[in-house]
Amino acid sequence: MADDELKVLDALKDAAKPLRPGEIAELTGLESKEVSKILKKLKSTDAVCTPKRCFYAHVDYEKSEE
């Protein structure tokens, strides 16, 4: 897994709530477009989930909400 992907996953793990791509970009220092690409890739591997439209969370977040 690439460093930028790990940054995004770490930001989502540390967040107490689902985040928008722009918020993730601010937290990681990455560009919004890059964050969106990474989120799409991570979602395809089931590493992140979308509990609400346009919001992303680490897959463990969804489990803790049940």
C-alpha atoms as a PDB file:
ATOM      1  CA  MET A   1       0.000   0.000   0.000  1.00  0.00           C
ATOM      2  CA  ALA A   2       1.337   3.435  -0.934  1.00  0.00           C
ATOM      3  CA  ASP A   3       2.253   6.079   1.663  1.00  0.00           C
ATOM      4  CA  ASP A   4      -0.560   8.384   0.556  1.00  0.00           C
ATOM      5  CA  GLU A   5      -3.085   5.566   0.938  1.00  0.00           C
ATOM      6  CA  LEU A   6      -1.830   4.956   4.463  1.00  0.00           C
ATOM      7  CA  LYS A   7      -2.158   8.671   5.264  1.00  0.00           C
ATOM      8  CA  VAL A   8      -5.783   8.602   4.169  1.00  0.00           C
ATOM      9  CA  LEU A   9      -6.526   5.435   6.130  1.00  0.00           C
ATOM     10  CA  ASP A  10      -4.830   6.846   9.245  1.00  0.00           C
ATOM     11  CA  ALA A  11      -6.849  10.059   8.997  1.00  0.00           C
ATOM     12  CA  LEU A  12     -10.054   8.048   8.755  1.00  0.00           C
ATOM     13  CA  LYS A  13      -9.060   5.798  11.681  1.00  0.00           C
ATOM     14  CA  ASP A  14      -8.282   8.816  13.866  1.00  0.00           C
ATOM     15  CA  ALA A  15     -11.530  10.592  12.998  1.00  0.00           C
ATOM     16  CA  ALA A  16     -14.455  10.079  15.317  1.00  0.00           C
ATOM     17  CA  LYS A  17     -16.863  10.577  12.421  1.00  0.00           C
ATOM     18  CA  PRO A  18     -17.125  10.090   8.654  1.00  0.00           C
ATOM     19  CA  LEU A  19     -15.222  12.715   6.652  1.00  0.00           C
ATOM     20  CA  ARG A  20     -15.641  14.409   3.292  1.00  0.00           C
ATOM     21  CA  PRO A  21     -12.753  14.164   0.816  1.00  0.00           C
ATOM     22  CA  GLY A  22     -11.932  17.855   1.373  1.00  0.00           C
ATOM     23  CA  GLU A  23     -11.577  17.300   5.120  1.00  0.00           C
ATOM     24  CA  ILE A  24      -9.306  14.324   4.501  1.00  0.00           C
ATOM     25  CA  ALA A  25      -7.200  16.450   2.141  1.00  0.00           C
ATOM     26  CA  GLU A  26      -6.773  19.097   4.876  1.00  0.00           C
ATOM     27  CA  LEU A  27      -5.795  16.502   7.468  1.00  0.00           C
ATOM     28  CA  THR A  28      -3.299  14.705   5.246  1.00  0.00           C
ATOM     29  CA  GLY A  29      -1.880  17.624   3.280  1.00  0.00           C
ATOM     30  CA  LEU A  30      -2.773  15.912   0.010  1.00  0.00           C
ATOM     31  CA  GLU A  31      -4.645  17.509  -2.886  1.00  0.00           C
ATOM     32  CA  SER A  32      -8.401  16.884  -3.025  1.00  0.00           C
ATOM     33  CA  LYS A  33      -8.194  15.229  -6.446  1.00  0.00           C
ATOM     34  CA  GLU A  34      -5.552  12.809  -5.169  1.00  0.00           C
ATOM     35  CA  VAL A  35      -7.636  12.031  -2.080  1.00  0.00           C
ATOM     36  CA  SER A  36     -10.648  11.269  -4.285  1.00  0.00           C
ATOM     37  CA  LYS A  37      -8.600   8.837  -6.386  1.00  0.00           C
ATOM     38  CA  ILE A  38      -7.255   7.134  -3.262  1.00  0.00           C
ATOM     39  CA  LEU A  39     -10.731   6.856  -1.720  1.00  0.00           C
ATOM     40  CA  LYS A  40     -12.085   5.266  -4.890  1.00  0.00           C
ATOM     41  CA  LYS A  41      -9.278   2.709  -4.819  1.00  0.00           C
ATOM     42  CA  LEU A  42      -9.666   2.003  -1.092  1.00  0.00           C
ATOM     43  CA  LYS A  43     -13.435   1.630  -1.461  1.00  0.00           C
ATOM     44  CA  SER A  44     -12.944  -0.957  -4.209  1.00  0.00           C
ATOM     45  CA  THR A  45     -10.805  -2.998  -1.787  1.00  0.00           C
ATOM     46  CA  ASP A  46     -13.338  -2.551   1.052  1.00  0.00           C
ATOM     47  CA  ALA A  47     -10.829  -0.673   3.236  1.00  0.00           C
ATOM     48  CA  VAL A  48     -13.220   2.274   3.543  1.00  0.00           C
ATOM     49  CA  CYS A  49     -16.993   2.580   3.575  1.00  0.00           C
ATOM     50  CA  THR A  50     -19.494   5.323   2.800  1.00  0.00           C
ATOM     51  CA  PRO A  51     -21.960   5.521   5.697  1.00  0.00           C
ATOM     52  CA  LYS A  52     -23.516   8.658   4.160  1.00  0.00           C
ATOM     53  CA  ARG A  53     -23.425  10.089   0.653  1.00  0.00           C
ATOM     54  CA  CYS A  54     -20.120  11.918   0.015  1.00  0.00           C
ATOM     55  CA  PHE A  55     -18.714  10.887   3.406  1.00  0.00           C
ATOM     56  CA  TYR A  56     -16.060   8.247   3.947  1.00  0.00           C
ATOM     57  CA  ALA A  57     -15.056   6.272   7.014  1.00  0.00           C
ATOM     58  CA  HIS A  58     -12.603   3.528   7.872  1.00  0.00           C
ATOM     59  CA  VAL A  59     -14.302   0.162   7.541  1.00  0.00           C
ATOM     60  CA  ASP A  60     -14.012  -0.379  11.325  1.00  0.00           C
ATOM     61  CA  TYR A  61     -16.174   2.717  11.908  1.00  0.00           C
ATOM     62  CA  GLU A  62     -19.188   1.026  10.339  1.00  0.00           C
ATOM     63  CA  LYS A  63     -18.717  -2.044  12.518  1.00  0.00           C
ATOM     64  CA  SER A  64     -18.536   0.037  15.701  1.00  0.00           C
ATOM     65  CA  GLU A  65     -21.850   1.727  14.828  1.00  0.00           C
ATOM     66  CA  GLU A  66     -23.788  -1.554  14.823  1.00  0.00           C
END
